[in-house]
Every structure is written in structure tokens, then in C-alpha cells.
Amino acid sequence: MPSLNHERAPLYEALLEYRERNNRTFHVPGHKNGQVYEKEGQDTQQVRSVYEEQTVLRHLMALDVTEITGTDDLHQPTGVIREAQELAADCFGAKETYFLVNGSTVGNLALILACCTEPGDVLIVQRNVHKSILHGLMLAGAHAVFVTPQLDAQSGLPTAPTVAAITEALERYPAARGVLLCSPNYYGMGVDLHAMAKAVHAQGKPLLIDEAHGAHYGLHPDLPVSAIQCGADGVVQSTHKMLSSLTMSAMLHVQGDRLDRGLIQQRLAMLQSSSPSYPLMASLDVSRRWIHIQGADAFTRGLEAVDWFRSNMKLLPNFTLLTSPSQGEEEAAYVTLDPFKVTVSDRTGQYSGYELQEMLEELGCVPEMSDVRHVVFVFSLGSTMEDAKALFHALEQIYQRNMEARDSQIPSCENHTEILSNTSMLVSEPIPFRLQPLAANAWDTVPLEQAVHRQVAEMVIPYPPGIPLLYPGEYITEEMIRTLQQLSQQGAKCQGVYDSTLKTLRVLRNE
């Protein structure tokens, strides 16, 4: 293969050349390079106002092309898209990289459908996965063997299963088509994927990693190594989350010979639009080029900002920060922590994570997510010292309120993520997933309190982070009822349920 020019962004450059040619377009899209929003002979105040508002969109539309001569084809790339993907593979250490225009979701779906090719195929999956993975299991008609994650004793947060638990699952179900794990999690906690890859490969199986929150891993000495560097076979990364591409753009990295790459390409062509967004793909190209040119220096400003923030949070003792695990701590539920992810909780229990998020938003700082106990902040290579100081001063104001209210009643504040450690045995029996919806006479809607010991008929997904607490067919425990009640009281947002207030729940009808 000829040497690669890392300073090029071939796809993006092709779009710039297209714009400069200013051709008459007799092809889709219908906005015709944004001409639809040009004003002609109209000078009313209303038209002028609309025109000004649409100027930014018109500039974007000048790069919003389709598959014509010179712009290549995502689903069978031979030109600039192929070159852009080869440059991305070189940057991230993969043998082959695929651009995704439907987020990490479509990458997860494609990996599952490429591994599980027959209805009833078994896939070993950690219990606390993103909903897209469960949707992939449904599309494949696969059976999931769920493995319970480790639970961090300090924070109560689940991470990923142990190597021993995954090995046990592989030994019990030797016909499994592979293992799918998520690392790092939403909170930036990661497990030892070197050891995991070694164990999974010893059984001749591929290791698939949902690394949506780790696109930046392996690109700076202060960041954890990436899943690809650890030996994983298929890795999905949300380039838009932790690097600098546009929302919905992501990458799928593949290496080794345990995955059928031709089948992966076919699945992606089936799942993604036949008219993929060129601005999204170009943003992936430009994001990669920035990393190739800047190298580790691309992260210096963001790391300085988050380091300053962590250091100064010591001045606010009411708040606790999730910290890196102690070196040599054998029982730790995680071995790496993303320095760009900051997880904060109120040590006194005065404020829940939801309440902290609401107050911070009122002060102009918008967190990534919250749960009953924690609020999560995402720094990145784009963060500045001004961002860090603004967030610190907002928490400082909340700290002062906390001090004024320190004698008030402190409520009990259990973390809903802890329930994941008790939802099933360490390694579950194979659980079937299918697309067929339940018949209307197969379920009842009951008050939440009456759902205990019944089988749930819908998925309960607090979002974010999008990790289901319950999936259809799972038995509902008293502990789970208490967790759902608390989520309802705290105003948590849930997907997958008919009653978003969680006052009622759909359960399978008793025979």
C-alpha cells in the first residue's frame, strides 16, 4: 500500500473542490447547494431576517452532496472515502475502519448481525449494555447470555464482568458466537481488556467492544489504551462524543481474522442510508486529520482544564469525585478512569444527581447526565480553562447553599445502578430476543407496587445513560420496585415504557 499523507483530509478536500466548481446541479439533494434559501428581489424585513438566519445552513448545504463523480460511495468506496477510511485505520491502529453516519448504534447492530447469522445464535453480553445492543439481539433473533458486571464498592456503579465470569460463560456455552462488552462506561470506568481479549481468544471467539465513550483512548500518554490496542476484534467508537466530529458520526474499527469483514460491510449497507450524509463523513475525516497533525498536543488544553477543575474541587469538601482505582487493588471493579470524565456526588446526600443537574443548568453549566446519586461532566480536547472555572464557580455557589441547609433532613439516596448487580445470577441462561411484538392480550398494565414477582413486558431504560434496568421477560423483584419508585419520585426520564411516570408497568399476563 502506498504511504499515507496524514495531513490530508481527502473526502473533505473533495467536497471543498466540489463547492468551488459551483456546477449547476441536476441531481439530489433538492436544496441545490443551498440555492433554495437565496433571496431574489425580495427585501421585506421578514425575508431579510429569514435569509440571515439561514446563512449558516446554506454554507453547510454547499458541502451536502450525493454520490456523484469524485465524491465516492460509502457502501463501495474506491476513491476519497476509501482513502479517508484508510487514514482513519492508520490513525486508530485498526486493520480496517468504516465510517458510520448513524452513530455507534449502527456499529453495534452491524457487529451483532455479522456474528449472529442464524436465529438462536448465542452471544455472551454484559448485563449493563446500551439499548442498541439489545436492539441488535432482537434484529438477529439471537439468544443473550447475560453476565453480571462488577460493582464498584465506593460509588455503587457497575462496570464490566470479570475475566473469570466471561471465561465461565464461554465454558458453559461453547457454541457462543462471541463476547460483547462495553468499556469504558458512561462514567469513564474501564476494565482490563488485554486480559479479556486473551481469555476470549483462547476460546477461539471474537471480542467485540462498544467503546462509544473511548474514541480518544490511546492518543495521549495520560489516556488509557484503546480496545484495538488491547487486541479486540471489532470496536465501535463515537467519534462525535469525545473527539471533534459532528453528532451521529462514528467509526467501526476491525482487526484480525475472526470477523467476516465482507459481511460487516453488507450489514452496514443494509442498516445505513443509501444516501449517507457527506458533512457527517467529512467531519470524521477532518477530526482524524486534526489528531494526526496535532498528535498528543491536541489534548493538552483540555487535560489542563480538567486537571485544574479536579484540583480545585478539594476546596468544596461537600462534593465527592470518582477517582482512579488504587494501584495494586486486586478487588477493584475498574482499572482505568477517563481523566476527561468527572463524576460528582453530594457527600452529604442533601442533593441528588438530578437536583444538582437542575441547579447547574440554572447557572449556565449543562452536565452530560445524572442519576440518583451522581452528576457526570464531560471535558474533551475542546474544553478550556474558562469552562473549568465556570463549572467550579457554579458548584461553589451550590456548595454555599448546601452549607446553609446543612441542618435540614438528609434524604436516603440509593443509586439505581446498584440494582444491576442483583438482577440475575452471575451467568444467565440463554435469553431469547425477537422482533415479534407481544399480542395485546399477552400483557396487563398494573400499578407499580403490584408488579413485584411478575415478568415485565416492556423495557425500562433510564436515559441517559440508556442502559436498561429491565428487559421483557425478566422477573421484577421488590428491590427493583423500590428503585423504580425512587426514579419516578426523582423525575428520571425513562424510555421503552408506556407510562413514562413509572406509576404503572406492563407485565406479562399470568396463565
Protein backbone atom coordinates (compact mmCIF):
# COMPACT_ATOMS: atom_id res chain seq x y z
CA MET A 1 0.00 0.00 0.00
CA PRO A 2 1.41 3.46 -0.85
CA SER A 3 2.46 5.70 2.02
CA LEU A 4 -0.33 7.73 3.59
CA ASN A 5 -0.30 11.51 3.81
CA HIS A 6 -1.62 12.17 7.30
CA GLU A 7 -2.02 15.89 6.65
CA ARG A 8 -4.70 15.26 4.03
CA ALA A 9 -8.44 15.01 4.60
CA PRO A 10 -9.27 13.58 1.16
CA LEU A 11 -13.03 13.39 1.49
CA TYR A 12 -13.33 16.88 2.95
CA GLU A 13 -10.98 18.25 0.29
CA ALA A 14 -13.14 16.69 -2.45
CA LEU A 15 -16.20 18.47 -1.04
CA LEU A 16 -14.35 21.80 -0.99
CA GLU A 17 -13.37 21.27 -4.62
CA TYR A 18 -16.99 20.46 -5.46
CA ARG A 19 -18.11 23.71 -3.85
CA GLU A 20 -15.50 25.74 -5.73
CA ARG A 21 -16.59 24.36 -9.11
CA ASN A 22 -20.07 25.83 -8.50
CA ASN A 23 -21.63 23.48 -11.04
CA ARG A 24 -25.30 23.55 -12.00
CA THR A 25 -26.74 20.60 -10.14
CA PHE A 26 -29.28 18.35 -11.76
CA HIS A 27 -29.10 15.73 -9.02
CA VAL A 28 -30.28 15.40 -5.45
CA PRO A 29 -30.37 16.91 -2.84
CA GLY A 30 -33.22 19.25 -3.60
CA HIS A 31 -31.77 22.32 -1.89
CA LYS A 32 -29.29 22.65 -4.84
CA ASN A 33 -26.22 23.64 -2.84
CA GLY A 34 -28.38 25.88 -0.65
CA GLN A 35 -29.77 27.94 -3.55
CA VAL A 36 -33.29 27.29 -2.25
CA TYR A 37 -32.64 29.83 0.50
CA GLU A 38 -31.20 32.58 -1.70
CA LYS A 39 -33.36 35.71 -1.77
CA GLU A 40 -34.19 37.13 -5.17
CA GLY A 41 -35.72 40.57 -5.46
CA GLN A 42 -37.45 40.40 -2.08
CA ASP A 43 -36.48 42.92 0.53
CA THR A 44 -39.21 42.80 3.13
CA GLN A 45 -38.00 42.78 6.73
CA GLN A 46 -39.32 39.27 7.25
CA VAL A 47 -37.45 37.82 4.24
CA ARG A 48 -34.23 39.61 5.24
CA SER A 49 -34.50 38.16 8.74
CA VAL A 50 -35.10 34.63 7.50
CA TYR A 51 -32.26 34.96 5.00
CA GLU A 52 -29.80 35.94 7.72
CA GLU A 53 -30.90 33.08 9.94
CA GLN A 54 -30.40 30.56 7.14
CA THR A 55 -26.96 31.75 6.05
CA VAL A 56 -25.13 29.21 8.22
CA LEU A 57 -27.30 26.38 6.93
CA ARG A 58 -26.65 27.47 3.33
CA HIS A 59 -22.89 27.26 3.88
CA LEU A 60 -23.30 23.70 5.19
CA MET A 61 -25.51 22.79 2.25
CA ALA A 62 -22.74 23.73 -0.16
CA LEU A 63 -20.94 20.60 1.09
CA ASP A 64 -24.05 18.43 1.31
CA VAL A 65 -23.67 16.38 -1.86
CA THR A 66 -24.50 12.89 -3.02
CA GLU A 67 -22.70 10.06 -4.82
CA ILE A 68 -21.54 11.76 -7.99
CA THR A 69 -18.27 11.69 -9.91
CA GLY A 70 -15.45 12.47 -7.49
CA THR A 71 -17.31 12.03 -4.20
CA ASP A 72 -17.15 8.21 -4.00
CA ASP A 73 -19.68 5.81 -2.42
CA LEU A 74 -19.66 4.90 1.27
CA HIS A 75 -21.03 1.42 0.61
CA GLN A 76 -18.46 0.54 -2.04
CA PRO A 77 -15.63 3.05 -1.64
CA THR A 78 -12.87 3.21 -4.23
CA GLY A 79 -11.82 6.85 -4.05
CA VAL A 80 -11.74 9.62 -1.45
CA ILE A 81 -13.92 7.80 1.10
CA ARG A 82 -11.72 4.73 0.86
CA GLU A 83 -8.61 6.89 1.34
CA ALA A 84 -10.22 8.69 4.29
CA GLN A 85 -11.10 5.38 5.95
CA GLU A 86 -7.57 4.04 5.37
CA LEU A 87 -6.14 7.14 7.04
CA ALA A 88 -8.54 6.62 9.97
CA ALA A 89 -7.50 2.98 10.33
CA ASP A 90 -3.86 4.07 10.38
CA CYS A 91 -4.59 6.74 12.99
CA PHE A 92 -6.50 4.48 15.38
CA GLY A 93 -4.44 1.33 14.88
CA ALA A 94 -7.06 -0.78 13.10
CA LYS A 95 -6.64 -3.02 10.09
CA GLU A 96 -9.81 -1.59 8.59
CA THR A 97 -12.12 1.28 9.55
CA TYR A 98 -15.69 2.02 8.45
CA PHE A 99 -17.31 5.45 8.67
CA LEU A 100 -20.71 5.42 10.39
CA VAL A 101 -23.43 8.02 9.82
CA ASN A 102 -25.90 6.66 12.36
CA GLY A 103 -23.74 6.82 15.47
CA SER A 104 -22.25 3.94 17.42
CA THR A 105 -25.72 2.42 17.39
CA VAL A 106 -25.36 1.20 13.81
CA GLY A 107 -21.89 -0.13 14.51
CA ASN A 108 -23.19 -2.24 17.38
CA LEU A 109 -26.06 -3.51 15.23
CA ALA A 110 -23.70 -4.44 12.37
CA LEU A 111 -21.27 -6.31 14.62
CA ILE A 112 -24.06 -8.35 16.19
CA LEU A 113 -25.66 -9.16 12.84
CA ALA A 114 -22.27 -10.17 11.41
CA CYS A 115 -21.60 -12.51 14.35
CA CYS A 116 -25.08 -13.93 14.90
CA THR A 117 -26.16 -15.09 11.46
CA GLU A 118 -28.73 -17.72 12.43
CA PRO A 119 -31.81 -17.32 14.68
CA GLY A 120 -30.96 -18.73 18.10
CA ASP A 121 -27.23 -17.97 17.89
CA VAL A 122 -25.81 -17.26 21.35
CA LEU A 123 -23.89 -14.09 22.16
CA ILE A 124 -22.29 -13.51 25.55
CA VAL A 125 -23.10 -9.97 26.68
CA GLN A 126 -22.53 -7.99 29.84
CA ARG A 127 -25.80 -7.21 31.63
CA ASN A 128 -25.47 -3.41 31.63
CA VAL A 129 -25.32 -2.69 27.90
CA HIS A 130 -26.66 0.17 25.83
CA LYS A 131 -30.13 -0.35 24.41
CA SER A 132 -28.71 -0.53 20.87
CA ILE A 133 -27.13 -3.87 21.72
CA LEU A 134 -30.45 -5.30 22.85
CA HIS A 135 -31.98 -4.00 19.62
CA GLY A 136 -29.23 -5.78 17.71
CA LEU A 137 -30.05 -9.01 19.51
CA MET A 138 -33.69 -8.54 18.53
CA LEU A 139 -32.82 -7.99 14.86
CA ALA A 140 -30.62 -11.09 14.86
CA GLY A 141 -33.14 -13.25 16.73
CA ALA A 142 -30.20 -14.11 18.97
CA HIS A 143 -30.06 -15.56 22.47
CA ALA A 144 -28.14 -13.48 25.00
CA VAL A 145 -26.20 -14.99 27.86
CA PHE A 146 -26.01 -12.08 30.27
CA VAL A 147 -23.00 -11.82 32.58
CA THR A 148 -23.36 -9.68 35.69
CA PRO A 149 -20.92 -6.74 35.89
CA GLN A 150 -18.63 -5.94 38.75
CA LEU A 151 -19.87 -3.31 41.19
CA ASP A 152 -17.60 -0.58 42.49
CA ALA A 153 -17.91 -0.62 46.27
CA GLN A 154 -17.23 3.10 46.72
CA SER A 155 -19.58 4.59 44.14
CA GLY A 156 -22.07 1.75 43.69
CA LEU A 157 -21.55 1.93 39.93
CA PRO A 158 -21.40 -1.19 37.71
CA THR A 159 -18.52 -1.59 35.29
CA ALA A 160 -18.00 -4.80 33.28
CA PRO A 161 -17.79 -8.51 34.19
CA THR A 162 -14.58 -10.10 35.40
CA VAL A 163 -12.41 -12.19 33.12
CA ALA A 164 -13.30 -15.20 35.28
CA ALA A 165 -17.04 -14.60 34.77
CA ILE A 166 -16.65 -14.30 30.99
CA THR A 167 -14.49 -17.44 30.93
CA GLU A 168 -17.18 -19.30 32.89
CA ALA A 169 -19.82 -18.17 30.38
CA LEU A 170 -17.67 -19.34 27.45
CA GLU A 171 -17.11 -22.73 29.06
CA ARG A 172 -20.82 -23.18 29.76
CA TYR A 173 -21.83 -22.09 26.27
CA PRO A 174 -19.02 -23.15 23.91
CA ALA A 175 -21.23 -22.58 20.85
CA ALA A 176 -21.43 -18.84 21.60
CA ARG A 177 -20.56 -16.71 18.58
CA GLY A 178 -18.58 -14.15 20.56
CA VAL A 179 -18.40 -11.81 23.54
CA LEU A 180 -19.67 -8.22 23.54
CA LEU A 181 -18.65 -5.81 26.31
CA CYS A 182 -18.84 -2.07 26.96
CA SER A 183 -15.72 -0.25 28.15
CA PRO A 184 -15.36 2.47 29.28
CA ASN A 185 -18.80 3.01 30.76
CA TYR A 186 -20.70 6.31 30.84
CA TYR A 187 -18.72 7.35 33.92
CA GLY A 188 -15.33 6.70 32.28
CA MET A 189 -14.59 3.48 34.20
CA GLY A 190 -12.81 0.76 32.23
CA VAL A 191 -11.61 -2.81 32.77
CA ASP A 192 -8.51 -4.75 31.69
CA LEU A 193 -9.25 -5.50 28.05
CA HIS A 194 -5.79 -7.02 27.47
CA ALA A 195 -6.66 -9.87 29.81
CA MET A 196 -10.20 -10.07 28.46
CA ALA A 197 -9.02 -10.39 24.84
CA LYS A 198 -6.54 -13.09 25.80
CA ALA A 199 -9.24 -15.10 27.58
CA VAL A 200 -11.82 -14.76 24.80
CA HIS A 201 -9.33 -15.55 22.04
CA ALA A 202 -8.17 -18.64 23.95
CA GLN A 203 -11.67 -19.99 23.31
CA GLY A 204 -11.44 -19.07 19.62
CA LYS A 205 -14.10 -16.36 19.87
CA PRO A 206 -14.11 -12.70 18.74
CA LEU A 207 -14.20 -9.92 21.31
CA LEU A 208 -16.50 -7.03 20.41
CA ILE A 209 -16.25 -3.77 22.33
CA ASP A 210 -18.73 -0.92 22.49
CA GLU A 211 -16.13 1.81 23.09
CA ALA A 212 -18.52 4.64 22.30
CA HIS A 213 -17.00 6.78 25.06
CA GLY A 214 -13.38 5.96 24.25
CA ALA A 215 -12.68 7.34 20.77
CA HIS A 216 -9.81 9.37 22.27
CA TYR A 217 -8.19 6.42 24.03
CA GLY A 218 -4.63 5.59 23.08
CA LEU A 219 -3.97 9.04 21.61
CA HIS A 220 -2.19 10.62 24.60
CA PRO A 221 0.09 9.18 27.34
CA ASP A 222 -2.36 10.29 30.05
CA LEU A 223 -5.27 8.44 28.43
CA PRO A 224 -5.99 4.70 28.74
CA VAL A 225 -5.06 2.45 25.85
CA SER A 226 -7.78 1.72 23.33
CA ALA A 227 -9.68 -1.54 22.85
CA ILE A 228 -7.99 -2.03 19.48
CA GLN A 229 -4.58 -1.70 21.16
CA CYS A 230 -5.74 -4.32 23.67
CA GLY A 231 -6.49 -6.81 20.90
CA ALA A 232 -10.27 -6.55 20.47
CA ASP A 233 -11.55 -7.75 17.10
CA GLY A 234 -14.34 -5.24 16.48
CA VAL A 235 -14.57 -1.85 18.19
CA VAL A 236 -17.22 0.85 17.86
CA GLN A 237 -16.34 4.44 18.78
CA SER A 238 -18.49 7.56 18.93
CA THR A 239 -16.04 9.97 17.34
CA HIS A 240 -18.54 12.75 17.96
CA LYS A 241 -18.64 12.14 21.72
CA MET A 242 -15.01 12.54 22.77
CA LEU A 243 -13.28 13.83 19.64
CA SER A 244 -14.49 16.53 17.25
CA SER A 245 -16.76 15.18 14.54
CA LEU A 246 -20.43 16.04 14.09
CA THR A 247 -23.15 14.36 16.14
CA MET A 248 -24.23 10.99 14.66
CA SER A 249 -20.80 10.37 13.11
CA ALA A 250 -18.82 7.42 14.44
CA MET A 251 -16.34 4.73 13.41
CA LEU A 252 -16.16 0.95 13.43
CA HIS A 253 -12.64 -0.47 13.68
CA VAL A 254 -11.80 -4.10 12.83
CA GLN A 255 -8.64 -6.19 13.03
CA GLY A 256 -7.67 -9.86 12.85
CA ASP A 257 -9.43 -12.66 11.00
CA ARG A 258 -12.17 -13.61 13.49
CA LEU A 259 -14.77 -11.32 11.89
CA ASP A 260 -16.12 -11.56 8.36
CA ARG A 261 -15.39 -8.07 7.01
CA GLY A 262 -17.38 -8.61 3.85
CA LEU A 263 -20.40 -9.48 5.96
CA ILE A 264 -19.85 -6.42 8.15
CA GLN A 265 -19.85 -4.24 5.04
CA GLN A 266 -23.05 -5.88 3.84
CA ARG A 267 -24.72 -5.34 7.22
CA LEU A 268 -23.67 -1.69 7.26
CA ALA A 269 -25.04 -1.20 3.75
CA MET A 270 -28.29 -2.76 4.91
CA LEU A 271 -28.57 -0.67 8.09
CA GLN A 272 -27.33 2.72 6.91
CA SER A 273 -28.91 5.06 4.42
CA SER A 274 -28.03 4.59 0.77
CA SER A 275 -27.72 8.41 0.76
CA PRO A 276 -25.30 8.96 3.66
CA SER A 277 -24.54 12.46 4.89
CA TYR A 278 -21.36 13.87 3.36
CA PRO A 279 -20.98 16.58 6.04
CA LEU A 280 -21.00 13.84 8.68
CA MET A 281 -18.40 11.78 6.83
CA ALA A 282 -16.28 14.85 6.12
CA SER A 283 -16.32 15.74 9.82
CA LEU A 284 -14.88 12.30 10.59
CA ASP A 285 -12.14 12.95 8.04
CA VAL A 286 -11.31 16.38 9.50
CA SER A 287 -11.42 15.09 13.09
CA ARG A 288 -8.92 12.36 12.19
CA ARG A 289 -6.67 14.83 10.40
CA TRP A 290 -6.62 17.10 13.45
CA ILE A 291 -5.41 14.20 15.60
CA HIS A 292 -2.82 13.13 13.02
CA ILE A 293 -1.40 16.65 12.72
CA GLN A 294 -1.57 17.72 16.37
CA GLY A 295 -0.76 14.37 17.94
CA ALA A 296 -0.82 14.30 21.73
CA ASP A 297 -0.78 18.13 21.78
CA ALA A 298 -4.41 18.09 20.67
CA PHE A 299 -5.38 17.12 24.22
CA THR A 300 -3.12 19.47 26.19
CA ARG A 301 -5.61 22.30 26.67
CA GLY A 302 -8.47 20.01 27.68
CA LEU A 303 -6.34 18.00 30.10
CA GLU A 304 -5.04 21.16 31.74
CA ALA A 305 -8.60 22.38 32.20
CA VAL A 306 -9.91 19.17 33.76
CA ASP A 307 -6.81 18.82 35.97
CA TRP A 308 -7.37 22.34 37.30
CA PHE A 309 -11.01 21.53 37.99
CA ARG A 310 -10.23 18.30 39.87
CA SER A 311 -7.56 20.01 41.94
CA ASN A 312 -9.78 22.92 42.95
CA MET A 313 -12.72 20.69 43.84
CA LYS A 314 -10.79 19.88 47.02
CA LEU A 315 -11.91 23.32 48.20
CA LEU A 316 -15.53 22.10 48.16
CA PRO A 317 -15.47 19.20 50.66
CA ASN A 318 -19.21 18.55 50.42
CA PHE A 319 -18.64 17.07 46.98
CA THR A 320 -17.06 13.71 46.21
CA LEU A 321 -15.31 12.93 42.93
CA LEU A 322 -14.94 9.49 41.42
CA THR A 323 -11.21 8.77 41.48
CA SER A 324 -8.84 6.41 39.73
CA PRO A 325 -8.52 2.99 41.40
CA SER A 326 -5.60 2.49 43.74
CA GLN A 327 -2.61 0.77 42.21
CA GLY A 328 -2.48 -2.93 43.05
CA GLU A 329 -6.04 -3.02 44.35
CA GLU A 330 -7.00 -6.58 43.42
CA GLU A 331 -10.73 -6.30 44.04
CA ALA A 332 -11.21 -3.06 42.12
CA ALA A 333 -14.17 -3.11 39.75
CA TYR A 334 -12.29 -0.92 37.27
CA VAL A 335 -8.64 -0.44 36.38
CA THR A 336 -8.78 2.76 34.30
CA LEU A 337 -10.63 6.04 34.57
CA ASP A 338 -11.01 8.52 31.74
CA PRO A 339 -9.47 11.80 33.00
CA PHE A 340 -11.96 13.73 30.84
CA LYS A 341 -14.97 12.26 32.69
CA VAL A 342 -15.72 13.89 36.05
CA THR A 343 -18.36 12.23 38.22
CA VAL A 344 -19.51 14.30 41.19
CA SER A 345 -21.86 13.48 44.05
CA ASP A 346 -23.02 15.35 47.14
CA ARG A 347 -21.24 13.73 50.07
CA THR A 348 -23.95 14.87 52.50
CA GLY A 349 -26.83 13.46 50.45
CA GLN A 350 -28.53 16.84 50.53
CA TYR A 351 -28.89 16.91 46.76
CA SER A 352 -29.48 14.06 44.34
CA GLY A 353 -27.73 13.94 41.00
CA TYR A 354 -30.93 15.10 39.32
CA GLU A 355 -31.18 18.11 41.63
CA LEU A 356 -27.52 19.00 41.07
CA GLN A 357 -28.06 18.90 37.31
CA GLU A 358 -31.10 21.16 37.54
CA MET A 359 -29.26 23.74 39.65
CA LEU A 360 -26.20 23.66 37.41
CA GLU A 361 -28.30 24.23 34.31
CA GLU A 362 -29.88 27.25 36.00
CA LEU A 363 -26.32 28.55 36.49
CA GLY A 364 -25.44 28.07 32.83
CA CYS A 365 -23.49 24.79 33.06
CA VAL A 366 -25.10 21.80 31.35
CA PRO A 367 -23.85 18.36 32.50
CA GLU A 368 -23.81 15.24 30.34
CA MET A 369 -26.17 13.26 32.57
CA SER A 370 -27.20 12.50 36.12
CA ASP A 371 -28.54 9.60 38.13
CA VAL A 372 -29.99 9.39 41.61
CA ARG A 373 -26.61 9.99 43.22
CA HIS A 374 -24.19 11.34 40.61
CA VAL A 375 -23.84 14.04 38.00
CA VAL A 376 -21.40 13.49 35.13
CA PHE A 377 -19.38 16.19 33.35
CA VAL A 378 -17.60 15.56 30.06
CA PHE A 379 -14.45 17.51 29.29
CA SER A 380 -12.68 16.96 25.96
CA LEU A 381 -9.91 18.23 23.73
CA GLY A 382 -12.21 21.20 23.06
CA SER A 383 -12.61 22.24 26.71
CA THR A 384 -10.98 25.41 28.00
CA MET A 385 -9.78 26.74 31.34
CA GLU A 386 -12.68 29.21 31.22
CA ASP A 387 -15.08 26.24 31.03
CA ALA A 388 -13.45 24.61 34.05
CA LYS A 389 -13.57 27.80 36.11
CA ALA A 390 -17.22 28.45 35.23
CA LEU A 391 -18.19 24.94 36.33
CA PHE A 392 -16.20 25.25 39.55
CA HIS A 393 -17.81 28.57 40.44
CA ALA A 394 -21.28 27.12 39.76
CA LEU A 395 -20.59 24.21 42.12
CA GLU A 396 -19.14 26.69 44.60
CA GLN A 397 -22.48 28.51 44.66
CA ILE A 398 -24.30 25.23 45.21
CA TYR A 399 -21.83 24.37 47.96
CA GLN A 400 -22.74 27.57 49.75
CA ARG A 401 -26.44 26.69 49.54
CA ASN A 402 -25.59 23.24 50.86
CA MET A 403 -23.77 24.72 53.84
CA GLU A 404 -26.73 26.95 54.66
CA ALA A 405 -29.06 23.93 54.58
CA ARG A 406 -26.72 21.52 56.36
CA ASP A 407 -29.01 21.07 59.37
CA SER A 408 -32.01 20.01 57.30
CA GLN A 409 -33.20 16.44 56.95
CA ILE A 410 -30.91 14.45 54.65
CA PRO A 411 -32.92 12.05 52.49
CA SER A 412 -31.98 8.49 51.74
CA CYS A 413 -30.39 8.36 48.29
CA GLU A 414 -29.83 4.91 46.83
CA ASN A 415 -28.24 4.58 43.42
CA HIS A 416 -30.44 2.90 40.82
CA THR A 417 -27.40 1.46 39.06
CA GLU A 418 -26.69 -0.78 42.06
CA ILE A 419 -29.72 -2.86 41.17
CA LEU A 420 -27.84 -4.27 38.19
CA SER A 421 -25.68 -6.39 40.47
CA ASN A 422 -28.75 -8.24 41.73
CA THR A 423 -30.86 -8.66 38.62
CA SER A 424 -29.63 -12.12 37.77
CA MET A 425 -27.16 -14.86 38.58
CA LEU A 426 -23.53 -14.32 37.57
CA VAL A 427 -24.09 -16.04 34.22
CA SER A 428 -27.68 -16.23 32.96
CA GLU A 429 -29.37 -18.90 30.91
CA PRO A 430 -29.70 -18.01 27.20
CA ILE A 431 -32.45 -15.41 26.88
CA PRO A 432 -34.21 -15.19 23.50
CA PHE A 433 -34.66 -11.87 21.74
CA ARG A 434 -37.06 -11.46 18.85
CA LEU A 435 -38.70 -8.75 16.79
CA GLN A 436 -42.26 -10.05 17.07
CA PRO A 437 -44.27 -7.73 19.34
CA LEU A 438 -46.36 -9.12 22.16
CA ALA A 439 -50.02 -9.59 21.40
CA ALA A 440 -52.33 -7.13 23.15
CA ASN A 441 -53.80 -9.95 25.24
CA ALA A 442 -50.36 -11.09 26.43
CA TRP A 443 -49.83 -8.33 28.97
CA ASP A 444 -51.58 -6.38 31.73
CA THR A 445 -50.98 -2.85 32.96
CA VAL A 446 -50.74 -2.83 36.75
CA PRO A 447 -49.79 -0.30 39.44
CA LEU A 448 -46.06 -0.45 40.05
CA GLU A 449 -46.49 -1.91 43.54
CA GLN A 450 -48.45 -4.86 42.11
CA ALA A 451 -45.75 -5.75 39.58
CA VAL A 452 -43.50 -7.49 42.10
CA HIS A 453 -42.65 -11.10 41.17
CA ARG A 454 -44.26 -10.62 37.75
CA GLN A 455 -42.45 -10.75 34.39
CA VAL A 456 -42.04 -7.34 32.81
CA ALA A 457 -43.47 -6.92 29.29
CA GLU A 458 -41.56 -3.78 28.33
CA MET A 459 -38.06 -2.40 28.56
CA VAL A 460 -37.27 0.15 31.30
CA ILE A 461 -34.41 2.38 30.16
CA PRO A 462 -33.32 5.43 32.21
CA TYR A 463 -31.91 7.83 29.60
CA PRO A 464 -29.21 8.86 29.76
CA PRO A 465 -27.27 6.59 30.02
CA GLY A 466 -29.59 4.32 28.01
CA ILE A 467 -28.81 1.13 29.94
CA PRO A 468 -31.96 -0.95 30.53
CA LEU A 469 -32.80 -1.82 34.13
CA LEU A 470 -35.38 -4.35 32.96
CA TYR A 471 -35.90 -6.19 29.71
CA PRO A 472 -39.03 -8.11 28.63
CA GLY A 473 -39.41 -11.43 30.40
CA GLU A 474 -37.32 -10.52 33.42
CA TYR A 475 -38.85 -11.07 36.87
CA ILE A 476 -39.38 -7.94 38.95
CA THR A 477 -38.02 -8.02 42.48
CA GLU A 478 -39.11 -5.95 45.47
CA GLU A 479 -35.75 -4.18 45.31
CA MET A 480 -36.39 -3.25 41.69
CA ILE A 481 -39.83 -1.86 42.63
CA ARG A 482 -38.17 0.41 45.21
CA THR A 483 -35.65 1.54 42.61
CA LEU A 484 -38.36 2.37 40.08
CA GLN A 485 -40.34 4.23 42.72
CA GLN A 486 -37.30 6.34 43.51
CA LEU A 487 -36.69 7.06 39.84
CA SER A 488 -40.30 8.14 39.50
CA GLN A 489 -40.05 10.43 42.53
CA GLN A 490 -36.83 11.98 41.23
CA GLY A 491 -38.37 12.68 37.83
CA ALA A 492 -35.96 10.47 35.92
CA LYS A 493 -36.52 10.20 32.17
CA CYS A 494 -37.18 6.65 31.01
CA GLN A 495 -37.52 5.21 27.53
CA GLY A 496 -39.16 1.96 26.49
CA VAL A 497 -42.10 2.25 28.89
CA TYR A 498 -45.68 3.13 28.02
CA ASP A 499 -46.13 5.08 31.27
CA SER A 500 -43.18 7.48 31.46
CA THR A 501 -44.13 8.45 35.04
CA LEU A 502 -43.46 4.83 36.16
CA LYS A 503 -46.70 4.80 38.15
CA THR A 504 -47.72 1.69 36.21
CA LEU A 505 -45.87 -1.07 34.41
CA ARG A 506 -46.78 -3.57 31.74
CA VAL A 507 -46.31 -7.18 32.85
CA LEU A 508 -46.87 -10.50 31.14
CA ARG A 509 -50.32 -11.88 31.79
CA ASN A 510 -50.40 -14.80 34.19
CA GLU A 511 -51.51 -18.06 32.60
